[in-house]
PDB file of N, CA and C in Angstrom:
ATOM      1  N   MET A   1      -7.294   9.436   9.468  1.00  0.00           N
ATOM      2  CA  MET A   1      -8.000   8.573   8.468  1.00  0.00           C
ATOM      3  C   MET A   1      -9.397   8.927   8.376  1.00  0.00           C
ATOM      4  N   GLY A   2      -9.954   8.738   7.203  1.00  0.00           N
ATOM      5  CA  GLY A   2     -11.389   9.123   6.917  1.00  0.00           C
ATOM      6  C   GLY A   2     -12.256   8.086   7.637  1.00  0.00           C
ATOM      7  N   GLU A   3     -13.520   8.447   7.548  1.00  0.00           N
ATOM      8  CA  GLU A   3     -14.585   7.576   8.200  1.00  0.00           C
ATOM      9  C   GLU A   3     -14.887   6.374   7.286  1.00  0.00           C
ATOM     10  N   ASN A   4     -14.696   6.436   6.045  1.00  0.00           N
ATOM     11  CA  ASN A   4     -15.056   5.371   5.141  1.00  0.00           C
ATOM     12  C   ASN A   4     -13.782   4.878   4.414  1.00  0.00           C
ATOM     13  N   THR A   5     -12.775   4.670   5.187  1.00  0.00           N
ATOM     14  CA  THR A   5     -11.563   4.111   4.570  1.00  0.00           C
ATOM     15  C   THR A   5     -11.013   2.969   5.445  1.00  0.00           C
ATOM     16  N   VAL A   6     -10.106   2.273   4.769  1.00  0.00           N
ATOM     17  CA  VAL A   6      -9.505   1.093   5.428  1.00  0.00           C
ATOM     18  C   VAL A   6      -7.941   1.329   5.329  1.00  0.00           C
ATOM     19  N   PHE A   7      -7.252   0.779   6.411  1.00  0.00           N
ATOM     20  CA  PHE A   7      -5.775   0.793   6.319  1.00  0.00           C
ATOM     21  C   PHE A   7      -5.316  -0.568   6.007  1.00  0.00           C
ATOM     22  N   LEU A   8      -4.416  -0.633   5.011  1.00  0.00           N
ATOM     23  CA  LEU A   8      -3.763  -1.914   4.598  1.00  0.00           C
ATOM     24  C   LEU A   8      -2.303  -1.830   4.728  1.00  0.00           C
ATOM     25  N   ALA A   9      -1.772  -3.010   5.011  1.00  0.00           N
ATOM     26  CA  ALA A   9      -0.284  -3.176   5.119  1.00  0.00           C
ATOM     27  C   ALA A   9       0.050  -4.552   4.474  1.00  0.00           C
ATOM     28  N   ALA A  10       1.208  -4.506   3.783  1.00  0.00           N
ATOM     29  CA  ALA A  10       1.651  -5.782   3.053  1.00  0.00           C
ATOM     30  C   ALA A  10       3.287  -5.688   3.181  1.00  0.00           C
ATOM     31  N   TYR A  11       3.778  -6.838   3.212  1.00  0.00           N
ATOM     32  CA  TYR A  11       5.279  -6.910   3.457  1.00  0.00           C
ATOM     33  C   TYR A  11       5.916  -7.931   2.455  1.00  0.00           C
ATOM     34  N   ALA A  12       7.215  -7.691   2.239  1.00  0.00           N
ATOM     35  CA  ALA A  12       7.992  -8.676   1.429  1.00  0.00           C
ATOM     36  C   ALA A  12       9.420  -8.576   1.934  1.00  0.00           C
ATOM     37  N   ARG A  13      10.076  -9.691   1.896  1.00  0.00           N
ATOM     38  CA  ARG A  13      11.480  -9.786   2.387  1.00  0.00           C
ATOM     39  C   ARG A  13      12.459  -9.054   1.438  1.00  0.00           C
ATOM     40  N   LEU A  14      13.275  -8.280   2.013  1.00  0.00           N
ATOM     41  CA  LEU A  14      14.399  -7.558   1.340  1.00  0.00           C
ATOM     42  C   LEU A  14      15.570  -8.421   1.046  1.00  0.00           C
ATOM     43  N   PRO A  15      16.266  -8.147  -0.094  1.00  0.00           N
ATOM     44  CA  PRO A  15      17.529  -8.922  -0.287  1.00  0.00           C
ATOM     45  C   PRO A  15      18.549  -8.530   0.703  1.00  0.00           C
ATOM     46  N   GLN A  16      19.438  -9.503   1.024  1.00  0.00           N
ATOM     47  CA  GLN A  16      20.450  -9.214   2.048  1.00  0.00           C
ATOM     48  C   GLN A  16      21.574  -8.287   1.733  1.00  0.00           C
ATOM     49  N   ASP A  17      21.740  -8.006   0.455  1.00  0.00           N
ATOM     50  CA  ASP A  17      22.835  -7.145  -0.045  1.00  0.00           C
ATOM     51  C   ASP A  17      22.557  -5.607  -0.230  1.00  0.00           C
ATOM     52  N   ILE A  18      21.457  -5.280   0.439  1.00  0.00           N
ATOM     53  CA  ILE A  18      21.154  -3.787   0.452  1.00  0.00           C
ATOM     54  C   ILE A  18      21.141  -3.223   1.834  1.00  0.00           C
ATOM     55  N   ALA A  19      21.534  -1.987   1.941  1.00  0.00           N
ATOM     56  CA  ALA A  19      21.523  -1.370   3.295  1.00  0.00           C
ATOM     57  C   ALA A  19      20.292  -1.523   4.141  1.00  0.00           C
ATOM     58  N   ALA A  20      19.106  -1.361   3.569  1.00  0.00           N
ATOM     59  CA  ALA A  20      17.855  -1.456   4.279  1.00  0.00           C
ATOM     60  C   ALA A  20      17.653  -2.762   4.964  1.00  0.00           C
ATOM     61  N   TYR A  21      18.210  -3.827   4.424  1.00  0.00           N
ATOM     62  CA  TYR A  21      18.150  -5.147   4.987  1.00  0.00           C
ATOM     63  C   TYR A  21      18.647  -5.107   6.474  1.00  0.00           C
ATOM     64  N   GLY A  22      19.761  -4.401   6.676  1.00  0.00           N
ATOM     65  CA  GLY A  22      20.243  -4.374   8.047  1.00  0.00           C
ATOM     66  C   GLY A  22      19.321  -3.680   9.073  1.00  0.00           C
ATOM     67  N   LEU A  23      18.432  -2.837   8.568  1.00  0.00           N
ATOM     68  CA  LEU A  23      17.504  -2.203   9.497  1.00  0.00           C
ATOM     69  C   LEU A  23      16.138  -2.804   9.545  1.00  0.00           C
ATOM     70  N   TYR A  24      15.694  -3.315   8.428  1.00  0.00           N
ATOM     71  CA  TYR A  24      14.289  -3.765   8.331  1.00  0.00           C
ATOM     72  C   TYR A  24      14.107  -5.275   8.125  1.00  0.00           C
ATOM     73  N   LYS A  25      14.965  -5.921   7.336  1.00  0.00           N
ATOM     74  CA  LYS A  25      14.776  -7.301   6.828  1.00  0.00           C
ATOM     75  C   LYS A  25      13.670  -7.450   5.835  1.00  0.00           C
ATOM     76  N   SER A  26      12.589  -6.655   6.048  1.00  0.00           N
ATOM     77  CA  SER A  26      11.494  -6.715   5.026  1.00  0.00           C
ATOM     78  C   SER A  26      11.044  -5.312   4.715  1.00  0.00           C
ATOM     79  N   VAL A  27      10.291  -5.185   3.642  1.00  0.00           N
ATOM     80  CA  VAL A  27       9.782  -3.835   3.286  1.00  0.00           C
ATOM     81  C   VAL A  27       8.229  -3.880   3.636  1.00  0.00           C
ATOM     82  N   GLY A  28       7.767  -2.837   4.165  1.00  0.00           N
ATOM     83  CA  GLY A  28       6.293  -2.765   4.317  1.00  0.00           C
ATOM     84  C   GLY A  28       5.764  -1.589   3.439  1.00  0.00           C
ATOM     85  N   VAL A  29       4.697  -1.938   2.736  1.00  0.00           N
ATOM     86  CA  VAL A  29       3.975  -0.908   2.035  1.00  0.00           C
ATOM     87  C   VAL A  29       2.560  -0.747   2.574  1.00  0.00           C
ATOM     88  N   TYR A  30       2.197   0.516   2.877  1.00  0.00           N
ATOM     89  CA  TYR A  30       1.005   0.761   3.619  1.00  0.00           C
ATOM     90  C   TYR A  30       0.061   1.715   2.799  1.00  0.00           C
ATOM     91  N   ALA A  31      -1.239   1.591   2.968  1.00  0.00           N
ATOM     92  CA  ALA A  31      -2.165   2.443   2.180  1.00  0.00           C
ATOM     93  C   ALA A  31      -3.348   2.644   2.994  1.00  0.00           C
ATOM     94  N   GLU A  32      -3.952   3.858   2.896  1.00  0.00           N
ATOM     95  CA  GLU A  32      -5.335   4.163   3.314  1.00  0.00           C
ATOM     96  C   GLU A  32      -6.039   4.286   2.007  1.00  0.00           C
ATOM     97  N   VAL A  33      -7.271   3.487   1.993  1.00  0.00           N
ATOM     98  CA  VAL A  33      -7.943   3.296   0.729  1.00  0.00           C
ATOM     99  C   VAL A  33      -9.491   3.574   1.088  1.00  0.00           C
ATOM    100  N   GLU A  34     -10.098   4.461   0.169  1.00  0.00           N
ATOM    101  CA  GLU A  34     -11.436   4.613   0.325  1.00  0.00           C
ATOM    102  C   GLU A  34     -12.199   3.385   0.006  1.00  0.00           C
ATOM    103  N   VAL A  35     -13.144   2.981   0.907  1.00  0.00           N
ATOM    104  CA  VAL A  35     -13.927   1.791   0.687  1.00  0.00           C
ATOM    105  C   VAL A  35     -14.799   1.805  -0.538  1.00  0.00           C
ATOM    106  N   ASP A  36     -15.577   2.841  -0.722  1.00  0.00           N
ATOM    107  CA  ASP A  36     -16.444   2.992  -1.831  1.00  0.00           C
ATOM    108  C   ASP A  36     -15.813   3.151  -3.177  1.00  0.00           C
ATOM    109  N   THR A  37     -14.722   3.826  -3.239  1.00  0.00           N
ATOM    110  CA  THR A  37     -14.118   4.116  -4.625  1.00  0.00           C
ATOM    111  C   THR A  37     -12.894   3.246  -4.920  1.00  0.00           C
ATOM    112  N   GLY A  38     -12.175   2.784  -3.905  1.00  0.00           N
ATOM    113  CA  GLY A  38     -10.922   2.074  -4.116  1.00  0.00           C
ATOM    114  C   GLY A  38      -9.785   2.943  -4.357  1.00  0.00           C
ATOM    115  N   VAL A  39      -9.969   4.258  -4.218  1.00  0.00           N
ATOM    116  CA  VAL A  39      -8.850   5.217  -4.376  1.00  0.00           C
ATOM    117  C   VAL A  39      -7.897   5.212  -3.155  1.00  0.00           C
ATOM    118  N   ILE A  40      -6.631   5.195  -3.413  1.00  0.00           N
ATOM    119  CA  ILE A  40      -5.583   5.220  -2.511  1.00  0.00           C
ATOM    120  C   ILE A  40      -5.398   6.602  -2.033  1.00  0.00           C
ATOM    121  N   ILE A  41      -5.796   6.949  -0.835  1.00  0.00           N
ATOM    122  CA  ILE A  41      -5.743   8.339  -0.205  1.00  0.00           C
ATOM    123  C   ILE A  41      -4.410   8.697   0.226  1.00  0.00           C
ATOM    124  N   GLU A  42      -3.749   7.799   0.864  1.00  0.00           N
ATOM    125  CA  GLU A  42      -2.356   7.954   1.441  1.00  0.00           C
ATOM    126  C   GLU A  42      -1.614   6.617   1.283  1.00  0.00           C
ATOM    127  N   ALA A  43      -0.254   6.791   1.169  1.00  0.00           N
ATOM    128  CA  ALA A  43       0.588   5.611   1.029  1.00  0.00           C
ATOM    129  C   ALA A  43       1.868   5.921   1.735  1.00  0.00           C
ATOM    130  N   ASP A  44       2.502   4.800   2.189  1.00  0.00           N
ATOM    131  CA  ASP A  44       3.826   4.988   2.873  1.00  0.00           C
ATOM    132  C   ASP A  44       4.527   3.671   2.713  1.00  0.00           C
ATOM    133  N   VAL A  45       5.840   3.763   3.038  1.00  0.00           N
ATOM    134  CA  VAL A  45       6.696   2.573   2.932  1.00  0.00           C
ATOM    135  C   VAL A  45       7.676   2.593   4.006  1.00  0.00           C
ATOM    136  N   SER A  46       8.208   1.452   4.419  1.00  0.00           N
ATOM    137  CA  SER A  46       9.155   1.429   5.538  1.00  0.00           C
ATOM    138  C   SER A  46      10.602   1.527   5.141  1.00  0.00           C
ATOM    139  N   PHE A  47      10.938   2.512   4.332  1.00  0.00           N
ATOM    140  CA  PHE A  47      12.345   2.780   3.895  1.00  0.00           C
ATOM    141  C   PHE A  47      12.833   4.035   4.620  1.00  0.00           C
ATOM    142  N   TYR A  48      14.140   4.100   4.809  1.00  0.00           N
ATOM    143  CA  TYR A  48      14.664   5.291   5.436  1.00  0.00           C
ATOM    144  C   TYR A  48      15.005   6.464   4.471  1.00  0.00           C
ATOM    145  N   SER A  49      15.079   6.087   3.175  1.00  0.00           N
ATOM    146  CA  SER A  49      15.383   7.118   2.212  1.00  0.00           C
ATOM    147  C   SER A  49      14.145   7.932   1.790  1.00  0.00           C
ATOM    148  N   GLN A  50      14.102   9.201   2.065  1.00  0.00           N
ATOM    149  CA  GLN A  50      12.943  10.024   1.829  1.00  0.00           C
ATOM    150  C   GLN A  50      12.679  10.017   0.282  1.00  0.00           C
ATOM    151  N   VAL A  51      13.772   9.980  -0.638  1.00  0.00           N
ATOM    152  CA  VAL A  51      13.516   9.914  -2.052  1.00  0.00           C
ATOM    153  C   VAL A  51      12.722   8.591  -2.415  1.00  0.00           C
ATOM    154  N   SER A  52      13.133   7.482  -1.804  1.00  0.00           N
ATOM    155  CA  SER A  52      12.304   6.247  -2.083  1.00  0.00           C
ATOM    156  C   SER A  52      10.926   6.382  -1.638  1.00  0.00           C
ATOM    157  N   ILE A  53      10.771   6.857  -0.442  1.00  0.00           N
ATOM    158  CA  ILE A  53       9.341   7.017   0.154  1.00  0.00           C
ATOM    159  C   ILE A  53       8.498   8.011  -0.773  1.00  0.00           C
ATOM    160  N   ASN A  54       9.073   9.059  -1.152  1.00  0.00           N
ATOM    161  CA  ASN A  54       8.361   9.959  -2.094  1.00  0.00           C
ATOM    162  C   ASN A  54       7.991   9.345  -3.464  1.00  0.00           C
ATOM    163  N   MET A  55       8.938   8.651  -3.896  1.00  0.00           N
ATOM    164  CA  MET A  55       8.608   8.018  -5.237  1.00  0.00           C
ATOM    165  C   MET A  55       7.530   6.991  -5.074  1.00  0.00           C
ATOM    166  N   ILE A  56       7.526   6.063  -4.039  1.00  0.00           N
ATOM    167  CA  ILE A  56       6.442   5.098  -3.878  1.00  0.00           C
ATOM    168  C   ILE A  56       5.145   5.818  -3.600  1.00  0.00           C
ATOM    169  N   ARG A  57       5.180   6.797  -2.785  1.00  0.00           N
ATOM    170  CA  ARG A  57       3.906   7.585  -2.544  1.00  0.00           C
ATOM    171  C   ARG A  57       3.347   8.112  -3.864  1.00  0.00           C
ATOM    172  N   ALA A  58       4.227   8.706  -4.615  1.00  0.00           N
ATOM    173  CA  ALA A  58       3.728   9.279  -5.925  1.00  0.00           C
ATOM    174  C   ALA A  58       3.146   8.266  -6.827  1.00  0.00           C
ATOM    175  N   ILE A  59       3.733   7.078  -6.911  1.00  0.00           N
ATOM    176  CA  ILE A  59       3.168   6.050  -7.740  1.00  0.00           C
ATOM    177  C   ILE A  59       1.830   5.581  -7.217  1.00  0.00           C
ATOM    178  N   LEU A  60       1.640   5.525  -5.955  1.00  0.00           N
ATOM    179  CA  LEU A  60       0.409   4.853  -5.403  1.00  0.00           C
ATOM    180  C   LEU A  60      -0.742   5.888  -5.079  1.00  0.00           C
ATOM    181  N   LYS A  61      -0.313   7.001  -4.674  1.00  0.00           N
ATOM    182  CA  LYS A  61      -1.396   7.967  -4.235  1.00  0.00           C
ATOM    183  C   LYS A  61      -2.306   8.470  -5.283  1.00  0.00           C
ATOM    184  N   GLY A  62      -3.588   8.396  -5.076  1.00  0.00           N
ATOM    185  CA  GLY A  62      -4.587   8.903  -6.112  1.00  0.00           C
ATOM    186  C   GLY A  62      -5.018   7.824  -7.127  1.00  0.00           C
ATOM    187  N   LYS A  63      -4.341   6.670  -7.094  1.00  0.00           N
ATOM    188  CA  LYS A  63      -4.653   5.605  -7.957  1.00  0.00           C
ATOM    189  C   LYS A  63      -5.791   4.777  -7.384  1.00  0.00           C
ATOM    190  N   ASN A  64      -6.458   4.034  -8.234  1.00  0.00           N
ATOM    191  CA  ASN A  64      -7.543   3.139  -7.827  1.00  0.00           C
ATOM    192  C   ASN A  64      -6.903   1.731  -7.635  1.00  0.00           C
ATOM    193  N   ILE A  65      -7.074   1.151  -6.435  1.00  0.00           N
ATOM    194  CA  ILE A  65      -6.400  -0.014  -6.074  1.00  0.00           C
ATOM    195  C   ILE A  65      -6.883  -1.247  -6.808  1.00  0.00           C
ATOM    196  N   VAL A  66      -8.098  -1.125  -7.416  1.00  0.00           N
ATOM    197  CA  VAL A  66      -8.717  -2.148  -8.284  1.00  0.00           C
ATOM    198  C   VAL A  66      -8.384  -1.927  -9.802  1.00  0.00           C
ATOM    199  N   LEU A  67      -8.802  -0.751 -10.212  1.00  0.00           N
ATOM    200  CA  LEU A  67      -8.800  -0.479 -11.704  1.00  0.00           C
ATOM    201  C   LEU A  67      -7.385  -0.152 -12.197  1.00  0.00           C
ATOM    202  N   ASP A  68      -6.475   0.342 -11.369  1.00  0.00           N
ATOM    203  CA  ASP A  68      -5.159   0.782 -11.833  1.00  0.00           C
ATOM    204  C   ASP A  68      -4.105  -0.164 -11.522  1.00  0.00           C
ATOM    205  N   ARG A  69      -4.384  -1.390 -11.164  1.00  0.00           N
ATOM    206  CA  ARG A  69      -3.289  -2.337 -10.835  1.00  0.00           C
ATOM    207  C   ARG A  69      -2.202  -2.428 -11.863  1.00  0.00           C
ATOM    208  N   GLU A  70      -2.543  -2.596 -13.058  1.00  0.00           N
ATOM    209  CA  GLU A  70      -1.461  -2.790 -14.133  1.00  0.00           C
ATOM    210  C   GLU A  70      -0.695  -1.503 -14.255  1.00  0.00           C
ATOM    211  N   VAL A  71      -1.348  -0.363 -14.177  1.00  0.00           N
ATOM    212  CA  VAL A  71      -0.707   0.999 -14.311  1.00  0.00           C
ATOM    213  C   VAL A  71       0.328   1.155 -13.117  1.00  0.00           C
ATOM    214  N   ILE A  72      -0.117   0.722 -11.903  1.00  0.00           N
ATOM    215  CA  ILE A  72       0.711   0.857 -10.749  1.00  0.00           C
ATOM    216  C   ILE A  72       1.953  -0.149 -10.995  1.00  0.00           C
ATOM    217  N   LEU A  73       1.710  -1.361 -11.212  1.00  0.00           N
ATOM    218  CA  LEU A  73       2.806  -2.326 -11.459  1.00  0.00           C
ATOM    219  C   LEU A  73       3.824  -1.831 -12.551  1.00  0.00           C
ATOM    220  N   LYS A  74       3.280  -1.319 -13.687  1.00  0.00           N
ATOM    221  CA  LYS A  74       4.163  -0.894 -14.762  1.00  0.00           C
ATOM    222  C   LYS A  74       4.983   0.297 -14.285  1.00  0.00           C
ATOM    223  N   ALA A  75       4.319   1.194 -13.547  1.00  0.00           N
ATOM    224  CA  ALA A  75       5.093   2.315 -13.010  1.00  0.00           C
ATOM    225  C   ALA A  75       6.279   1.907 -12.165  1.00  0.00           C
ATOM    226  N   PHE A  76       6.056   0.849 -11.253  1.00  0.00           N
ATOM    227  CA  PHE A  76       7.113   0.406 -10.415  1.00  0.00           C
ATOM    228  C   PHE A  76       8.117  -0.204 -11.208  1.00  0.00           C
ATOM    229  N   GLU A  77       7.734  -1.033 -12.167  1.00  0.00           N
ATOM    230  CA  GLU A  77       8.709  -1.687 -13.147  1.00  0.00           C
ATOM    231  C   GLU A  77       9.507  -0.841 -13.896  1.00  0.00           C
ATOM    232  N   SER A  78       9.042   0.254 -14.333  1.00  0.00           N
ATOM    233  CA  SER A  78       9.719   1.224 -15.251  1.00  0.00           C
ATOM    234  C   SER A  78      10.406   2.441 -14.515  1.00  0.00           C
ATOM    235  N   ARG A  79       9.857   2.790 -13.378  1.00  0.00           N
ATOM    236  CA  ARG A  79      10.483   3.900 -12.655  1.00  0.00           C
ATOM    237  C   ARG A  79      11.205   3.710 -11.416  1.00  0.00           C
ATOM    238  N   TYR A  80      10.934   2.647 -10.764  1.00  0.00           N
ATOM    239  CA  TYR A  80      11.525   2.447  -9.460  1.00  0.00           C
ATOM    240  C   TYR A  80      12.738   1.357  -9.646  1.00  0.00           C
ATOM    241  N   TRP A  81      13.870   1.858  -9.422  1.00  0.00           N
ATOM    242  CA  TRP A  81      15.155   0.997  -9.677  1.00  0.00           C
ATOM    243  C   TRP A  81      15.985   1.011  -8.335  1.00  0.00           C
ATOM    244  N   GLY A  82      15.373   1.309  -7.290  1.00  0.00           N
ATOM    245  CA  GLY A  82      16.105   1.364  -5.967  1.00  0.00           C
ATOM    246  C   GLY A  82      16.275  -0.107  -5.513  1.00  0.00           C
ATOM    247  N   GLY A  83      17.188  -0.143  -4.433  1.00  0.00           N
ATOM    248  CA  GLY A  83      17.519  -1.381  -3.839  1.00  0.00           C
ATOM    249  C   GLY A  83      16.128  -1.976  -3.285  1.00  0.00           C
ATOM    250  N   GLY A  84      16.008  -3.262  -3.327  1.00  0.00           N
ATOM    251  CA  GLY A  84      14.796  -3.893  -2.908  1.00  0.00           C
ATOM    252  C   GLY A  84      13.683  -3.819  -3.916  1.00  0.00           C
ATOM    253  N   ARG A  85      13.955  -3.514  -5.189  1.00  0.00           N
ATOM    254  CA  ARG A  85      12.930  -3.320  -6.230  1.00  0.00           C
ATOM    255  C   ARG A  85      11.943  -4.454  -6.262  1.00  0.00           C
ATOM    256  N   LYS A  86      12.401  -5.660  -6.392  1.00  0.00           N
ATOM    257  CA  LYS A  86      11.579  -6.838  -6.444  1.00  0.00           C
ATOM    258  C   LYS A  86      10.667  -6.968  -5.137  1.00  0.00           C
ATOM    259  N   ALA A  87      11.275  -6.684  -4.079  1.00  0.00           N
ATOM    260  CA  ALA A  87      10.566  -6.794  -2.735  1.00  0.00           C
ATOM    261  C   ALA A  87       9.446  -5.718  -2.739  1.00  0.00           C
ATOM    262  N   VAL A  88       9.684  -4.508  -3.181  1.00  0.00           N
ATOM    263  CA  VAL A  88       8.704  -3.505  -3.189  1.00  0.00           C
ATOM    264  C   VAL A  88       7.507  -3.876  -4.124  1.00  0.00           C
ATOM    265  N   ILE A  89       7.841  -4.361  -5.258  1.00  0.00           N
ATOM    266  CA  ILE A  89       6.859  -4.784  -6.272  1.00  0.00           C
ATOM    267  C   ILE A  89       6.044  -6.013  -5.593  1.00  0.00           C
ATOM    268  N   THR A  90       6.655  -6.931  -5.013  1.00  0.00           N
ATOM    269  CA  THR A  90       5.971  -8.043  -4.351  1.00  0.00           C
ATOM    270  C   THR A  90       5.101  -7.510  -3.283  1.00  0.00           C
ATOM    271  N   ALA A  91       5.487  -6.594  -2.440  1.00  0.00           N
ATOM    272  CA  ALA A  91       4.698  -6.042  -1.337  1.00  0.00           C
ATOM    273  C   ALA A  91       3.493  -5.361  -1.962  1.00  0.00           C
ATOM    274  N   VAL A  92       3.691  -4.610  -3.101  1.00  0.00           N
ATOM    275  CA  VAL A  92       2.483  -3.966  -3.706  1.00  0.00           C
ATOM    276  C   VAL A  92       1.561  -4.951  -4.276  1.00  0.00           C
ATOM    277  N   LYS A  93       1.982  -6.057  -4.840  1.00  0.00           N
ATOM    278  CA  LYS A  93       1.082  -7.061  -5.262  1.00  0.00           C
ATOM    279  C   LYS A  93       0.313  -7.689  -4.031  1.00  0.00           C
ATOM    280  N   ARG A  94       1.005  -7.854  -2.945  1.00  0.00           N
ATOM    281  CA  ARG A  94       0.320  -8.359  -1.702  1.00  0.00           C
ATOM    282  C   ARG A  94      -0.632  -7.355  -1.103  1.00  0.00           C
ATOM    283  N   LEU A  95      -0.338  -6.129  -1.256  1.00  0.00           N
ATOM    284  CA  LEU A  95      -1.262  -5.102  -0.939  1.00  0.00           C
ATOM    285  C   LEU A  95      -2.613  -5.165  -1.739  1.00  0.00           C
ATOM    286  N   PHE A  96      -2.453  -5.544  -3.008  1.00  0.00           N
ATOM    287  CA  PHE A  96      -3.697  -5.705  -3.843  1.00  0.00           C
ATOM    288  C   PHE A  96      -4.492  -6.911  -3.257  1.00  0.00           C
ATOM    289  N   GLU A  97      -3.813  -7.992  -2.920  1.00  0.00           N
ATOM    290  CA  GLU A  97      -4.423  -9.183  -2.411  1.00  0.00           C
ATOM    291  C   GLU A  97      -5.037  -8.825  -1.119  1.00  0.00           C
ATOM    292  N   ARG A  98      -4.364  -8.091  -0.259  1.00  0.00           N
ATOM    293  CA  ARG A  98      -4.952  -7.773   1.030  1.00  0.00           C
ATOM    294  C   ARG A  98      -6.273  -6.985   0.893  1.00  0.00           C
ATOM    295  N   TYR A  99      -6.194  -6.031  -0.086  1.00  0.00           N
ATOM    296  CA  TYR A  99      -7.455  -5.281  -0.346  1.00  0.00           C
ATOM    297  C   TYR A  99      -8.575  -6.168  -0.744  1.00  0.00           C
ATOM    298  N   ASP A 100      -8.348  -7.077  -1.625  1.00  0.00           N
ATOM    299  CA  ASP A 100      -9.367  -8.033  -2.011  1.00  0.00           C
ATOM    300  C   ASP A 100      -9.938  -8.820  -0.820  1.00  0.00           C
ATOM    301  N   GLU A 101      -9.046  -9.343   0.039  1.00  0.00           N
ATOM    302  CA  GLU A 101      -9.488 -10.038   1.263  1.00  0.00           C
ATOM    303  C   GLU A 101     -10.329  -9.216   2.132  1.00  0.00           C
ATOM    304  N   VAL A 102      -9.944  -7.887   2.380  1.00  0.00           N
ATOM    305  CA  VAL A 102     -10.637  -6.999   3.249  1.00  0.00           C
ATOM    306  C   VAL A 102     -11.954  -6.688   2.707  1.00  0.00           C
ATOM    307  N   MET A 103     -12.057  -6.415   1.337  1.00  0.00           N
ATOM    308  CA  MET A 103     -13.331  -6.103   0.660  1.00  0.00           C
ATOM    309  C   MET A 103     -14.307  -7.349   0.842  1.00  0.00           C
ATOM    310  N   GLU A 104     -13.833  -8.603   0.629  1.00  0.00           N
ATOM    311  CA  GLU A 104     -14.595  -9.789   0.806  1.00  0.00           C
ATOM    312  C   GLU A 104     -15.190  -9.888   2.229  1.00  0.00           C
ATOM    313  N   GLN A 105     -14.307  -9.543   3.236  1.00  0.00           N
ATOM    314  CA  GLN A 105     -14.668  -9.587   4.696  1.00  0.00           C
ATOM    315  C   GLN A 105     -15.770  -8.425   4.889  1.00  0.00           C
ATOM    316  N   LEU A 106     -15.552  -7.204   4.310  1.00  0.00           N
ATOM    317  CA  LEU A 106     -16.460  -6.182   4.517  1.00  0.00           C
ATOM    318  C   LEU A 106     -17.895  -6.488   3.886  1.00  0.00           C
ATOM    319  N   GLU A 107     -17.794  -7.248   2.849  1.00  0.00           N
ATOM    320  CA  GLU A 107     -19.142  -7.548   2.188  1.00  0.00           C
ATOM    321  C   GLU A 107     -19.908  -8.500   3.157  1.00  0.00           C
ATOM    322  N   ARG A 108     -19.197  -9.442   3.891  1.00  0.00           N
ATOM    323  CA  ARG A 108     -19.936 -10.268   4.781  1.00  0.00           C
ATOM    324  C   ARG A 108     -20.263  -9.624   6.167  1.00  0.00           C
ATOM    325  N   ASP A 109     -19.338  -8.608   6.519  1.00  0.00           N
ATOM    326  CA  ASP A 109     -19.510  -7.909   7.809  1.00  0.00           C
ATOM    327  C   ASP A 109     -19.216  -6.447   7.571  1.00  0.00           C
ATOM    328  N   PRO A 110     -20.108  -5.553   7.124  1.00  0.00           N
ATOM    329  CA  PRO A 110     -19.842  -4.267   6.807  1.00  0.00           C
ATOM    330  C   PRO A 110     -19.368  -3.382   7.968  1.00  0.00           C
ATOM    331  N   ILE A 111     -18.635  -2.336   7.690  1.00  0.00           N
ATOM    332  CA  ILE A 111     -18.231  -1.381   8.720  1.00  0.00           C
ATOM    333  C   ILE A 111     -19.475  -0.722   9.305  1.00  0.00           C
ATOM    334  N   PRO A 112     -19.665  -0.751  10.650  1.00  0.00           N
ATOM    335  CA  PRO A 112     -20.832  -0.084  11.230  1.00  0.00           C
ATOM    336  C   PRO A 112     -20.609   1.543  11.098  1.00  0.00           C
ATOM    337  N   ASP A 113     -21.748   2.088  10.872  1.00  0.00           N
ATOM    338  CA  ASP A 113     -21.753   3.599  10.891  1.00  0.00           C
ATOM    339  C   ASP A 113     -21.538   4.149  12.302  1.00  0.00           C
ATOM    340  N   LEU A 114     -20.361   4.614  12.630  1.00  0.00           N
ATOM    341  CA  LEU A 114     -20.115   5.171  13.957  1.00  0.00           C
ATOM    342  C   LEU A 114     -19.846   6.629  13.942  1.00  0.00           C
ATOM    343  N   THR A 115     -20.285   7.262  12.853  1.00  0.00           N
ATOM    344  CA  THR A 115     -19.860   8.682  12.702  1.00  0.00           C
ATOM    345  C   THR A 115     -20.403   9.550  13.755  1.00  0.00           C
ATOM    346  N   ASP A 116     -21.581   9.298  14.259  1.00  0.00           N
ATOM    347  CA  ASP A 116     -22.118  10.187  15.364  1.00  0.00           C
ATOM    348  C   ASP A 116     -21.468   9.883  16.677  1.00  0.00           C
ATOM    349  N   GLU A 117     -21.102   8.564  16.926  1.00  0.00           N
ATOM    350  CA  GLU A 117     -20.511   8.316  18.213  1.00  0.00           C
ATOM    351  C   GLU A 117     -19.002   8.516  18.345  1.00  0.00           C
ATOM    352  N   TYR A 118     -18.331   8.237  17.233  1.00  0.00           N
ATOM    353  CA  TYR A 118     -16.842   8.290  17.243  1.00  0.00           C
ATOM    354  C   TYR A 118     -16.322   9.118  16.124  1.00  0.00           C
ATOM    355  N   ARG A 119     -16.171  10.380  16.270  1.00  0.00           N
ATOM    356  CA  ARG A 119     -15.637  11.252  15.176  1.00  0.00           C
ATOM    357  C   ARG A 119     -14.162  11.167  15.193  1.00  0.00           C
ATOM    358  N   LEU A 120     -13.578  10.828  14.090  1.00  0.00           N
ATOM    359  CA  LEU A 120     -12.017  10.738  13.989  1.00  0.00           C
ATOM    360  C   LEU A 120     -11.478  12.108  13.607  1.00  0.00           C
TER     361      LEU A 120
END
């Protein structure tokens, strides 16, 4: 992780009629986001299918979590037709909400500059 990034996680319940439900019960969508720019540096999802993981990463990675919300949601709605589609879209929307919450918190209590003491 970078020195000026945050890690976000959001979850949504999967439908019982898909294989992933037996393993996970819910889907997690994860992102590392640059604090200053809002750009999603890295993304992941708690699915076992590498194709699903790659698709979700491709849709999220490099996008701006604030400015590109509609673009991201439209991409999921038009391109992602895997099992748990609604759950993935819900988790992505919750990821947006989580980002907003974290940014509000960081405005009140900024990340201390620890670059000299703790190099990652």
